[in-house]
Amino acid sequence: MLETLGQLPATITISDSLWQHLISTVLLLLTVFIARALAGRFIRKTVNSIELQRKWLVNTRNGFLLLLLLGLVIIWGNELRTLALSIVAIAVAFVVATKELILCVTGSILKTGSGSFNIGDRIQIKDFRGDVIDQSLLATTILEVGPGKITHQRTGRMIVIPNALFVSEPVINESFTHDFVFHVFTVPFKREDNWQAAQQAFLDAANRHCEPYLEAVRRYMKRFNVQRGLEVPSVEPRVTIQVPVAGEVHLIVRLPTRSGQRGYIEQTVLSEVLSKHDFAAKKPEVSSLPESDPAATT
């Protein structure tokens, strides 16, 4: 028995083509790992922005991973094709068992091909909303922003979203215009309140806070929309009226702001206007005249 086991390695022969494939695979792995290390070192030395550095590192990692997979497919293509033809039934069972993983890869291809968002963008899919900090072949990682859909502060929680969701669910990109964005928030009033004065007060405050960078926003939006072939929108702050239900008036405040300052500009405008003005309806004064004495009239 021991003699048979000792002679077993000598009976195993490896063909020349298999040796070539193995050597090519090792060389491919070494090349990709070395190139990735050099690219990462170059990015860390030359890119000063932390946000841009993280974006380039993630994109570089994913690019080299795809390059490695493509190289392995090219090297082992004939062997894989022969193997696939001989185990069709196993392949079908494998596809059924790994359906979610396949959907994740499909979702990754879909979001990459459509360019729906990038690292640093604020997105919302289903009930998940936050800033994208990482993307891989199977999942997308975001830092949650909330609570709810109208606030703009981070909760401190990290959410890992499987890319399979991007196949069946729409994605909202709140940072589509990148450097500058339009921020919208709603201020509700009762119908009897002085909402006309509130409308003018919010418009004045929005104009005052946006004035320092309004011209820069105008140039940026014009350049961005010309590149995309879109109509250039008006960038001036505006306050419009909405009546969602009887007895209520909602003021819709829309103003341009830097991408990372939406929550700050909203809180600044709200604090300034509401602390300096009282728009509540004035209650009618109750008459304090003394009642007449019935005996005095007789």
C-alpha atoms as a PDB file:
ATOM      1  CA  MET A   1       0.000   0.000   0.000  1.00  0.00           C
ATOM      2  CA  LEU A   2       2.739   2.435   0.959  1.00  0.00           C
ATOM      3  CA  GLU A   3       4.737   1.504  -2.101  1.00  0.00           C
ATOM      4  CA  THR A   4       1.713   2.192  -4.305  1.00  0.00           C
ATOM      5  CA  LEU A   5       1.213   5.632  -2.744  1.00  0.00           C
ATOM      6  CA  GLY A   6       4.888   6.413  -3.169  1.00  0.00           C
ATOM      7  CA  GLN A   7       4.758   5.578  -6.866  1.00  0.00           C
ATOM      8  CA  LEU A   8       1.542   7.590  -7.458  1.00  0.00           C
ATOM      9  CA  PRO A   9       3.182  11.018  -8.068  1.00  0.00           C
ATOM     10  CA  ALA A  10       5.460   9.479 -10.653  1.00  0.00           C
ATOM     11  CA  THR A  11       2.465   8.230 -12.640  1.00  0.00           C
ATOM     12  CA  ILE A  12       0.873  11.708 -12.856  1.00  0.00           C
ATOM     13  CA  THR A  13       1.916  13.510 -16.000  1.00  0.00           C
ATOM     14  CA  ILE A  14       1.215  17.130 -16.878  1.00  0.00           C
ATOM     15  CA  SER A  15       0.980  18.075 -20.536  1.00  0.00           C
ATOM     16  CA  ASP A  16       2.984  20.926 -22.047  1.00  0.00           C
ATOM     17  CA  SER A  17      -0.169  22.973 -22.707  1.00  0.00           C
ATOM     18  CA  LEU A  18      -1.211  22.669 -19.068  1.00  0.00           C
ATOM     19  CA  TRP A  19       2.241  23.840 -17.957  1.00  0.00           C
ATOM     20  CA  GLN A  20       1.930  26.828 -20.285  1.00  0.00           C
ATOM     21  CA  HIS A  21      -1.469  27.711 -18.815  1.00  0.00           C
ATOM     22  CA  LEU A  22      -0.165  27.452 -15.256  1.00  0.00           C
ATOM     23  CA  ILE A  23       2.873  29.605 -16.009  1.00  0.00           C
ATOM     24  CA  SER A  24       0.701  32.168 -17.815  1.00  0.00           C
ATOM     25  CA  THR A  25      -1.695  32.270 -14.846  1.00  0.00           C
ATOM     26  CA  VAL A  26       1.129  32.854 -12.363  1.00  0.00           C
ATOM     27  CA  LEU A  27       2.608  35.604 -14.553  1.00  0.00           C
ATOM     28  CA  LEU A  28      -0.834  37.229 -14.893  1.00  0.00           C
ATOM     29  CA  LEU A  29      -1.384  37.208 -11.130  1.00  0.00           C
ATOM     30  CA  LEU A  30       2.040  38.706 -10.441  1.00  0.00           C
ATOM     31  CA  THR A  31       1.571  41.380 -13.113  1.00  0.00           C
ATOM     32  CA  VAL A  32      -1.865  42.424 -11.850  1.00  0.00           C
ATOM     33  CA  PHE A  33      -0.825  42.519  -8.184  1.00  0.00           C
ATOM     34  CA  ILE A  34       2.338  44.506  -8.904  1.00  0.00           C
ATOM     35  CA  ALA A  35       0.492  46.936 -11.208  1.00  0.00           C
ATOM     36  CA  ARG A  36      -2.226  47.438  -8.592  1.00  0.00           C
ATOM     37  CA  ALA A  37       0.325  48.119  -5.862  1.00  0.00           C
ATOM     38  CA  LEU A  38       2.183  50.627  -8.041  1.00  0.00           C
ATOM     39  CA  ALA A  39      -1.041  52.335  -9.087  1.00  0.00           C
ATOM     40  CA  GLY A  40      -2.194  52.598  -5.466  1.00  0.00           C
ATOM     41  CA  ARG A  41       1.133  54.087  -4.404  1.00  0.00           C
ATOM     42  CA  PHE A  42       1.033  56.567  -7.301  1.00  0.00           C
ATOM     43  CA  ILE A  43      -2.531  57.670  -6.422  1.00  0.00           C
ATOM     44  CA  ARG A  44      -1.710  58.159  -2.729  1.00  0.00           C
ATOM     45  CA  LYS A  45       1.332  60.291  -3.603  1.00  0.00           C
ATOM     46  CA  THR A  46      -0.145  62.455  -6.364  1.00  0.00           C
ATOM     47  CA  VAL A  47      -3.818  62.918  -5.395  1.00  0.00           C
ATOM     48  CA  ASN A  48      -4.244  65.294  -2.453  1.00  0.00           C
ATOM     49  CA  SER A  49      -8.036  65.187  -2.094  1.00  0.00           C
ATOM     50  CA  ILE A  50      -9.156  62.378   0.222  1.00  0.00           C
ATOM     51  CA  GLU A  51     -12.493  62.057  -1.589  1.00  0.00           C
ATOM     52  CA  LEU A  52     -10.864  61.885  -5.022  1.00  0.00           C
ATOM     53  CA  GLN A  53      -8.141  59.558  -3.708  1.00  0.00           C
ATOM     54  CA  ARG A  54     -10.721  57.076  -2.372  1.00  0.00           C
ATOM     55  CA  LYS A  55     -12.631  57.234  -5.639  1.00  0.00           C
ATOM     56  CA  TRP A  56      -9.537  56.479  -7.741  1.00  0.00           C
ATOM     57  CA  LEU A  57      -8.395  53.666  -5.419  1.00  0.00           C
ATOM     58  CA  VAL A  58     -11.792  51.940  -5.637  1.00  0.00           C
ATOM     59  CA  ASN A  59     -11.989  52.343  -9.419  1.00  0.00           C
ATOM     60  CA  THR A  60      -8.418  51.076  -9.814  1.00  0.00           C
ATOM     61  CA  ARG A  61      -9.100  48.029  -7.649  1.00  0.00           C
ATOM     62  CA  ASN A  62     -12.226  47.132  -9.603  1.00  0.00           C
ATOM     63  CA  GLY A  63     -10.475  47.703 -12.916  1.00  0.00           C
ATOM     64  CA  PHE A  64      -7.606  45.362 -12.058  1.00  0.00           C
ATOM     65  CA  LEU A  65     -10.069  42.753 -10.793  1.00  0.00           C
ATOM     66  CA  LEU A  66     -11.925  42.809 -14.105  1.00  0.00           C
ATOM     67  CA  LEU A  67      -8.601  42.659 -15.953  1.00  0.00           C
ATOM     68  CA  LEU A  68      -7.587  39.601 -13.908  1.00  0.00           C
ATOM     69  CA  LEU A  69     -10.876  37.832 -14.620  1.00  0.00           C
ATOM     70  CA  LEU A  70     -10.616  38.628 -18.324  1.00  0.00           C
ATOM     71  CA  GLY A  71      -7.051  37.322 -18.451  1.00  0.00           C
ATOM     72  CA  LEU A  72      -8.013  34.074 -16.712  1.00  0.00           C
ATOM     73  CA  VAL A  73     -10.880  33.561 -19.141  1.00  0.00           C
ATOM     74  CA  ILE A  74      -8.542  34.094 -22.092  1.00  0.00           C
ATOM     75  CA  ILE A  75      -5.896  31.706 -20.710  1.00  0.00           C
ATOM     76  CA  TRP A  76      -8.250  28.919 -19.688  1.00  0.00           C
ATOM     77  CA  GLY A  77     -10.917  29.514 -22.358  1.00  0.00           C
ATOM     78  CA  ASN A  78     -10.554  26.201 -24.200  1.00  0.00           C
ATOM     79  CA  GLU A  79     -10.433  24.154 -21.009  1.00  0.00           C
ATOM     80  CA  LEU A  80     -13.433  25.957 -19.593  1.00  0.00           C
ATOM     81  CA  ARG A  81     -15.392  25.424 -22.791  1.00  0.00           C
ATOM     82  CA  THR A  82     -14.608  21.705 -22.792  1.00  0.00           C
ATOM     83  CA  LEU A  83     -15.510  21.434 -19.127  1.00  0.00           C
ATOM     84  CA  ALA A  84     -18.784  23.312 -19.640  1.00  0.00           C
ATOM     85  CA  LEU A  85     -19.855  20.987 -22.417  1.00  0.00           C
ATOM     86  CA  SER A  86     -19.306  17.936 -20.212  1.00  0.00           C
ATOM     87  CA  ILE A  87     -21.121  19.209 -17.111  1.00  0.00           C
ATOM     88  CA  VAL A  88     -24.143  21.067 -18.465  1.00  0.00           C
ATOM     89  CA  ALA A  89     -26.428  19.701 -15.786  1.00  0.00           C
ATOM     90  CA  ILE A  90     -24.070  20.798 -13.023  1.00  0.00           C
ATOM     91  CA  ALA A  91     -23.807  24.231 -14.622  1.00  0.00           C
ATOM     92  CA  VAL A  92     -27.591  24.626 -14.627  1.00  0.00           C
ATOM     93  CA  ALA A  93     -27.775  23.646 -10.963  1.00  0.00           C
ATOM     94  CA  PHE A  94     -24.949  26.070 -10.207  1.00  0.00           C
ATOM     95  CA  VAL A  95     -26.808  28.923 -11.917  1.00  0.00           C
ATOM     96  CA  VAL A  96     -29.940  28.211  -9.911  1.00  0.00           C
ATOM     97  CA  ALA A  97     -27.981  28.023  -6.648  1.00  0.00           C
ATOM     98  CA  THR A  98     -26.059  31.261  -7.313  1.00  0.00           C
ATOM     99  CA  LYS A  99     -28.928  33.280  -8.760  1.00  0.00           C
ATOM    100  CA  GLU A 100     -28.476  36.106  -6.248  1.00  0.00           C
ATOM    101  CA  LEU A 101     -24.751  36.365  -6.962  1.00  0.00           C
ATOM    102  CA  ILE A 102     -25.446  36.488 -10.691  1.00  0.00           C
ATOM    103  CA  LEU A 103     -28.006  39.234 -10.106  1.00  0.00           C
ATOM    104  CA  CYS A 104     -25.416  41.146  -8.067  1.00  0.00           C
ATOM    105  CA  VAL A 105     -22.893  40.931 -10.911  1.00  0.00           C
ATOM    106  CA  THR A 106     -25.608  41.934 -13.404  1.00  0.00           C
ATOM    107  CA  GLY A 107     -26.571  44.890 -11.214  1.00  0.00           C
ATOM    108  CA  SER A 108     -22.929  45.957 -11.037  1.00  0.00           C
ATOM    109  CA  ILE A 109     -22.660  45.872 -14.823  1.00  0.00           C
ATOM    110  CA  LEU A 110     -25.943  47.764 -15.149  1.00  0.00           C
ATOM    111  CA  LYS A 111     -25.048  50.618 -12.799  1.00  0.00           C
ATOM    112  CA  THR A 112     -21.549  50.894 -14.234  1.00  0.00           C
ATOM    113  CA  GLY A 113     -22.774  50.918 -17.817  1.00  0.00           C
ATOM    114  CA  SER A 114     -25.501  53.468 -17.142  1.00  0.00           C
ATOM    115  CA  GLY A 115     -23.255  55.708 -15.003  1.00  0.00           C
ATOM    116  CA  SER A 116     -26.071  56.170 -12.508  1.00  0.00           C
ATOM    117  CA  PHE A 117     -23.739  57.313  -9.712  1.00  0.00           C
ATOM    118  CA  ASN A 118     -20.101  57.562  -8.620  1.00  0.00           C
ATOM    119  CA  ILE A 119     -18.111  57.500  -5.396  1.00  0.00           C
ATOM    120  CA  GLY A 120     -19.190  60.425  -3.204  1.00  0.00           C
ATOM    121  CA  ASP A 121     -22.697  60.779  -4.696  1.00  0.00           C
ATOM    122  CA  ARG A 122     -25.746  60.764  -2.443  1.00  0.00           C
ATOM    123  CA  ILE A 123     -28.211  58.139  -3.620  1.00  0.00           C
ATOM    124  CA  GLN A 124     -31.493  56.597  -2.529  1.00  0.00           C
ATOM    125  CA  ILE A 125     -32.745  53.134  -3.442  1.00  0.00           C
ATOM    126  CA  LYS A 126     -35.895  51.819  -1.777  1.00  0.00           C
ATOM    127  CA  ASP A 127     -35.604  52.947   1.871  1.00  0.00           C
ATOM    128  CA  PHE A 128     -31.794  53.169   1.805  1.00  0.00           C
ATOM    129  CA  ARG A 129     -30.283  56.652   1.462  1.00  0.00           C
ATOM    130  CA  GLY A 130     -26.710  57.833   1.922  1.00  0.00           C
ATOM    131  CA  ASP A 131     -23.334  58.783   0.458  1.00  0.00           C
ATOM    132  CA  VAL A 132     -21.536  56.168  -1.648  1.00  0.00           C
ATOM    133  CA  ILE A 133     -18.109  55.314  -0.211  1.00  0.00           C
ATOM    134  CA  ASP A 134     -17.315  52.006  -1.924  1.00  0.00           C
ATOM    135  CA  GLN A 135     -18.345  49.869  -4.889  1.00  0.00           C
ATOM    136  CA  SER A 136     -17.452  46.280  -5.687  1.00  0.00           C
ATOM    137  CA  LEU A 137     -18.657  43.562  -8.025  1.00  0.00           C
ATOM    138  CA  LEU A 138     -21.265  42.312  -5.536  1.00  0.00           C
ATOM    139  CA  ALA A 139     -22.216  45.224  -3.267  1.00  0.00           C
ATOM    140  CA  THR A 140     -22.275  49.001  -2.844  1.00  0.00           C
ATOM    141  CA  THR A 141     -21.481  50.596   0.517  1.00  0.00           C
ATOM    142  CA  ILE A 142     -23.070  53.854   1.673  1.00  0.00           C
ATOM    143  CA  LEU A 143     -22.947  55.987   4.805  1.00  0.00           C
ATOM    144  CA  GLU A 144     -26.569  56.434   5.840  1.00  0.00           C
ATOM    145  CA  VAL A 145     -28.105  59.920   5.754  1.00  0.00           C
ATOM    146  CA  GLY A 146     -31.279  60.583   7.685  1.00  0.00           C
ATOM    147  CA  PRO A 147     -33.466  59.955   9.470  1.00  0.00           C
ATOM    148  CA  GLY A 148     -36.102  60.085   6.762  1.00  0.00           C
ATOM    149  CA  LYS A 149     -35.818  61.394   3.236  1.00  0.00           C
ATOM    150  CA  ILE A 150     -35.682  65.146   3.909  1.00  0.00           C
ATOM    151  CA  THR A 151     -32.778  65.460   6.364  1.00  0.00           C
ATOM    152  CA  HIS A 152     -29.138  65.744   5.340  1.00  0.00           C
ATOM    153  CA  GLN A 153     -27.107  64.560   8.321  1.00  0.00           C
ATOM    154  CA  ARG A 154     -25.249  61.278   8.631  1.00  0.00           C
ATOM    155  CA  THR A 155     -26.576  58.807  11.175  1.00  0.00           C
ATOM    156  CA  GLY A 156     -23.195  57.107  11.714  1.00  0.00           C
ATOM    157  CA  ARG A 157     -24.413  53.815  10.255  1.00  0.00           C
ATOM    158  CA  MET A 158     -22.956  52.034   7.234  1.00  0.00           C
ATOM    159  CA  ILE A 159     -25.235  50.164   4.817  1.00  0.00           C
ATOM    160  CA  VAL A 160     -24.018  47.468   2.412  1.00  0.00           C
ATOM    161  CA  ILE A 161     -26.471  47.213  -0.495  1.00  0.00           C
ATOM    162  CA  PRO A 162     -26.357  44.107  -2.725  1.00  0.00           C
ATOM    163  CA  ASN A 163     -26.046  45.114  -6.359  1.00  0.00           C
ATOM    164  CA  ALA A 164     -29.000  42.862  -7.200  1.00  0.00           C
ATOM    165  CA  LEU A 165     -31.277  45.736  -6.103  1.00  0.00           C
ATOM    166  CA  PHE A 166     -30.054  47.900  -8.983  1.00  0.00           C
ATOM    167  CA  VAL A 167     -31.591  45.428 -11.449  1.00  0.00           C
ATOM    168  CA  SER A 168     -35.165  45.808 -10.218  1.00  0.00           C
ATOM    169  CA  GLU A 169     -35.286  49.103  -8.273  1.00  0.00           C
ATOM    170  CA  PRO A 170     -34.915  52.718  -9.488  1.00  0.00           C
ATOM    171  CA  VAL A 171     -32.003  54.751  -8.133  1.00  0.00           C
ATOM    172  CA  ILE A 172     -32.323  58.406  -7.104  1.00  0.00           C
ATOM    173  CA  ASN A 173     -29.070  60.350  -7.434  1.00  0.00           C
ATOM    174  CA  GLU A 174     -29.246  63.522  -5.349  1.00  0.00           C
ATOM    175  CA  SER A 175     -25.770  64.634  -6.515  1.00  0.00           C
ATOM    176  CA  PHE A 176     -26.380  64.468 -10.256  1.00  0.00           C
ATOM    177  CA  THR A 177     -24.861  67.914 -10.846  1.00  0.00           C
ATOM    178  CA  HIS A 178     -21.922  67.170  -8.492  1.00  0.00           C
ATOM    179  CA  ASP A 179     -20.331  70.496  -7.385  1.00  0.00           C
ATOM    180  CA  PHE A 180     -23.534  72.528  -7.066  1.00  0.00           C
ATOM    181  CA  VAL A 181     -27.060  71.183  -6.578  1.00  0.00           C
ATOM    182  CA  PHE A 182     -30.587  72.514  -6.214  1.00  0.00           C
ATOM    183  CA  HIS A 183     -31.911  71.997  -2.719  1.00  0.00           C
ATOM    184  CA  VAL A 184     -35.654  72.004  -2.005  1.00  0.00           C
ATOM    185  CA  PHE A 185     -37.403  72.039   1.356  1.00  0.00           C
ATOM    186  CA  THR A 186     -40.993  72.650   2.455  1.00  0.00           C
ATOM    187  CA  VAL A 187     -42.319  74.968   5.174  1.00  0.00           C
ATOM    188  CA  PRO A 188     -46.002  74.365   6.095  1.00  0.00           C
ATOM    189  CA  PHE A 189     -48.401  77.107   7.252  1.00  0.00           C
ATOM    190  CA  LYS A 190     -52.060  77.309   8.119  1.00  0.00           C
ATOM    191  CA  ARG A 191     -54.335  79.098   5.695  1.00  0.00           C
ATOM    192  CA  GLU A 192     -55.011  81.912   8.172  1.00  0.00           C
ATOM    193  CA  ASP A 193     -51.298  82.516   8.897  1.00  0.00           C
ATOM    194  CA  ASN A 194     -49.432  85.373   7.265  1.00  0.00           C
ATOM    195  CA  TRP A 195     -47.844  83.105   4.669  1.00  0.00           C
ATOM    196  CA  GLN A 196     -47.480  85.988   2.182  1.00  0.00           C
ATOM    197  CA  ALA A 197     -44.983  87.707   4.494  1.00  0.00           C
ATOM    198  CA  ALA A 198     -43.283  84.358   5.112  1.00  0.00           C
ATOM    199  CA  GLN A 199     -42.894  83.809   1.368  1.00  0.00           C
ATOM    200  CA  GLN A 200     -41.102  87.132   0.951  1.00  0.00           C
ATOM    201  CA  ALA A 201     -38.962  86.593   4.079  1.00  0.00           C
ATOM    202  CA  PHE A 202     -37.761  83.178   2.882  1.00  0.00           C
ATOM    203  CA  LEU A 203     -37.016  84.566  -0.576  1.00  0.00           C
ATOM    204  CA  ASP A 204     -34.984  87.458   0.872  1.00  0.00           C
ATOM    205  CA  ALA A 205     -33.016  85.137   3.172  1.00  0.00           C
ATOM    206  CA  ALA A 206     -32.327  82.668   0.344  1.00  0.00           C
ATOM    207  CA  ASN A 207     -31.098  85.431  -1.954  1.00  0.00           C
ATOM    208  CA  ARG A 208     -28.849  86.851   0.741  1.00  0.00           C
ATOM    209  CA  HIS A 209     -27.177  83.534   1.562  1.00  0.00           C
ATOM    210  CA  CYS A 210     -26.797  82.430  -2.080  1.00  0.00           C
ATOM    211  CA  GLU A 211     -25.519  85.761  -3.420  1.00  0.00           C
ATOM    212  CA  PRO A 212     -21.768  85.083  -2.790  1.00  0.00           C
ATOM    213  CA  TYR A 213     -21.679  82.048  -5.107  1.00  0.00           C
ATOM    214  CA  LEU A 214     -24.724  82.607  -7.339  1.00  0.00           C
ATOM    215  CA  GLU A 215     -22.654  83.671 -10.356  1.00  0.00           C
ATOM    216  CA  ALA A 216     -20.397  80.616  -9.964  1.00  0.00           C
ATOM    217  CA  VAL A 217     -23.491  78.386  -9.880  1.00  0.00           C
ATOM    218  CA  ARG A 218     -24.824  80.058 -13.010  1.00  0.00           C
ATOM    219  CA  ARG A 219     -21.581  79.409 -14.950  1.00  0.00           C
ATOM    220  CA  TYR A 220     -21.307  75.846 -13.648  1.00  0.00           C
ATOM    221  CA  MET A 221     -24.897  74.927 -14.521  1.00  0.00           C
ATOM    222  CA  LYS A 222     -24.536  76.417 -17.988  1.00  0.00           C
ATOM    223  CA  ARG A 223     -21.364  74.425 -18.663  1.00  0.00           C
ATOM    224  CA  PHE A 224     -22.812  71.213 -17.165  1.00  0.00           C
ATOM    225  CA  ASN A 225     -26.082  71.383 -19.101  1.00  0.00           C
ATOM    226  CA  VAL A 226     -24.346  72.231 -22.389  1.00  0.00           C
ATOM    227  CA  GLN A 227     -22.171  69.113 -21.967  1.00  0.00           C
ATOM    228  CA  ARG A 228     -25.266  67.001 -21.282  1.00  0.00           C
ATOM    229  CA  GLY A 229     -27.368  68.614 -23.991  1.00  0.00           C
ATOM    230  CA  LEU A 230     -29.942  69.883 -21.482  1.00  0.00           C
ATOM    231  CA  GLU A 231     -31.782  73.172 -21.149  1.00  0.00           C
ATOM    232  CA  VAL A 232     -30.053  75.537 -18.750  1.00  0.00           C
ATOM    233  CA  PRO A 233     -32.333  76.042 -15.701  1.00  0.00           C
ATOM    234  CA  SER A 234     -32.798  79.251 -13.741  1.00  0.00           C
ATOM    235  CA  VAL A 235     -30.508  79.206 -10.694  1.00  0.00           C
ATOM    236  CA  GLU A 236     -32.082  82.094  -8.770  1.00  0.00           C
ATOM    237  CA  PRO A 237     -33.735  81.126  -5.459  1.00  0.00           C
ATOM    238  CA  ARG A 238     -37.491  80.872  -5.599  1.00  0.00           C
ATOM    239  CA  VAL A 239     -40.367  80.271  -3.175  1.00  0.00           C
ATOM    240  CA  THR A 240     -43.506  78.722  -4.658  1.00  0.00           C
ATOM    241  CA  ILE A 241     -46.879  77.879  -3.118  1.00  0.00           C
ATOM    242  CA  GLN A 242     -48.512  74.494  -2.783  1.00  0.00           C
ATOM    243  CA  VAL A 243     -51.918  73.650  -1.290  1.00  0.00           C
ATOM    244  CA  PRO A 244     -51.790  69.915  -0.413  1.00  0.00           C
ATOM    245  CA  VAL A 245     -54.991  69.890   1.653  1.00  0.00           C
ATOM    246  CA  ALA A 246     -57.718  72.362   2.496  1.00  0.00           C
ATOM    247  CA  GLY A 247     -56.676  74.780   5.215  1.00  0.00           C
ATOM    248  CA  GLU A 248     -52.905  74.449   4.650  1.00  0.00           C
ATOM    249  CA  VAL A 249     -50.407  76.373   2.557  1.00  0.00           C
ATOM    250  CA  HIS A 250     -46.931  74.948   1.941  1.00  0.00           C
ATOM    251  CA  LEU A 251     -44.044  77.162   0.844  1.00  0.00           C
ATOM    252  CA  ILE A 252     -41.625  75.254  -1.421  1.00  0.00           C
ATOM    253  CA  VAL A 253     -38.182  76.868  -1.096  1.00  0.00           C
ATOM    254  CA  ARG A 254     -35.714  76.026  -3.868  1.00  0.00           C
ATOM    255  CA  LEU A 255     -32.183  77.405  -3.822  1.00  0.00           C
ATOM    256  CA  PRO A 256     -28.761  76.474  -5.236  1.00  0.00           C
ATOM    257  CA  THR A 257     -26.044  75.342  -2.871  1.00  0.00           C
ATOM    258  CA  ARG A 258     -22.769  73.458  -2.750  1.00  0.00           C
ATOM    259  CA  SER A 259     -23.201  69.709  -2.767  1.00  0.00           C
ATOM    260  CA  GLY A 260     -22.039  69.182   0.805  1.00  0.00           C
ATOM    261  CA  GLN A 261     -23.897  72.124   2.365  1.00  0.00           C
ATOM    262  CA  ARG A 262     -27.563  71.286   1.773  1.00  0.00           C
ATOM    263  CA  GLY A 263     -28.379  70.694   5.425  1.00  0.00           C
ATOM    264  CA  TYR A 264     -26.370  73.723   6.522  1.00  0.00           C
ATOM    265  CA  ILE A 265     -28.040  76.192   4.152  1.00  0.00           C
ATOM    266  CA  GLU A 266     -31.510  74.851   4.981  1.00  0.00           C
ATOM    267  CA  GLN A 267     -30.988  75.188   8.735  1.00  0.00           C
ATOM    268  CA  THR A 268     -29.454  78.645   8.318  1.00  0.00           C
ATOM    269  CA  VAL A 269     -32.386  80.003   6.312  1.00  0.00           C
ATOM    270  CA  LEU A 270     -34.987  78.411   8.586  1.00  0.00           C
ATOM    271  CA  SER A 271     -33.323  79.647  11.764  1.00  0.00           C
ATOM    272  CA  GLU A 272     -32.926  83.184  10.459  1.00  0.00           C
ATOM    273  CA  VAL A 273     -36.483  83.596   9.189  1.00  0.00           C
ATOM    274  CA  LEU A 274     -38.335  81.851  12.010  1.00  0.00           C
ATOM    275  CA  SER A 275     -36.329  83.531  14.772  1.00  0.00           C
ATOM    276  CA  LYS A 276     -36.927  87.048  13.430  1.00  0.00           C
ATOM    277  CA  HIS A 277     -40.570  86.785  12.393  1.00  0.00           C
ATOM    278  CA  ASP A 278     -43.858  85.528  13.772  1.00  0.00           C
ATOM    279  CA  PHE A 279     -46.252  84.528  11.008  1.00  0.00           C
ATOM    280  CA  ALA A 280     -48.967  83.075  13.231  1.00  0.00           C
ATOM    281  CA  ALA A 281     -52.464  84.397  12.724  1.00  0.00           C
ATOM    282  CA  LYS A 282     -53.411  87.148  15.180  1.00  0.00           C
ATOM    283  CA  LYS A 283     -56.215  86.155  17.501  1.00  0.00           C
ATOM    284  CA  PRO A 284     -59.083  88.688  17.735  1.00  0.00           C
ATOM    285  CA  GLU A 285     -59.065  90.752  20.913  1.00  0.00           C
ATOM    286  CA  VAL A 286     -61.824  89.994  23.442  1.00  0.00           C
ATOM    287  CA  SER A 287     -63.878  93.044  24.457  1.00  0.00           C
ATOM    288  CA  SER A 288     -63.335  93.997  28.117  1.00  0.00           C
ATOM    289  CA  LEU A 289     -66.211  96.525  28.468  1.00  0.00           C
ATOM    290  CA  PRO A 290     -68.179  96.075  31.753  1.00  0.00           C
ATOM    291  CA  GLU A 291     -71.675  94.689  31.445  1.00  0.00           C
ATOM    292  CA  SER A 292     -74.458  97.249  31.944  1.00  0.00           C
ATOM    293  CA  ASP A 293     -76.453  97.126  35.180  1.00  0.00           C
ATOM    294  CA  PRO A 294     -80.088  96.228  34.425  1.00  0.00           C
ATOM    295  CA  ALA A 295     -81.234  98.151  37.498  1.00  0.00           C
ATOM    296  CA  ALA A 296     -79.647 101.378  36.220  1.00  0.00           C
ATOM    297  CA  THR A 297     -81.887 101.367  33.161  1.00  0.00           C
ATOM    298  CA  THR A 298     -85.167 101.105  35.066  1.00  0.00           C
END
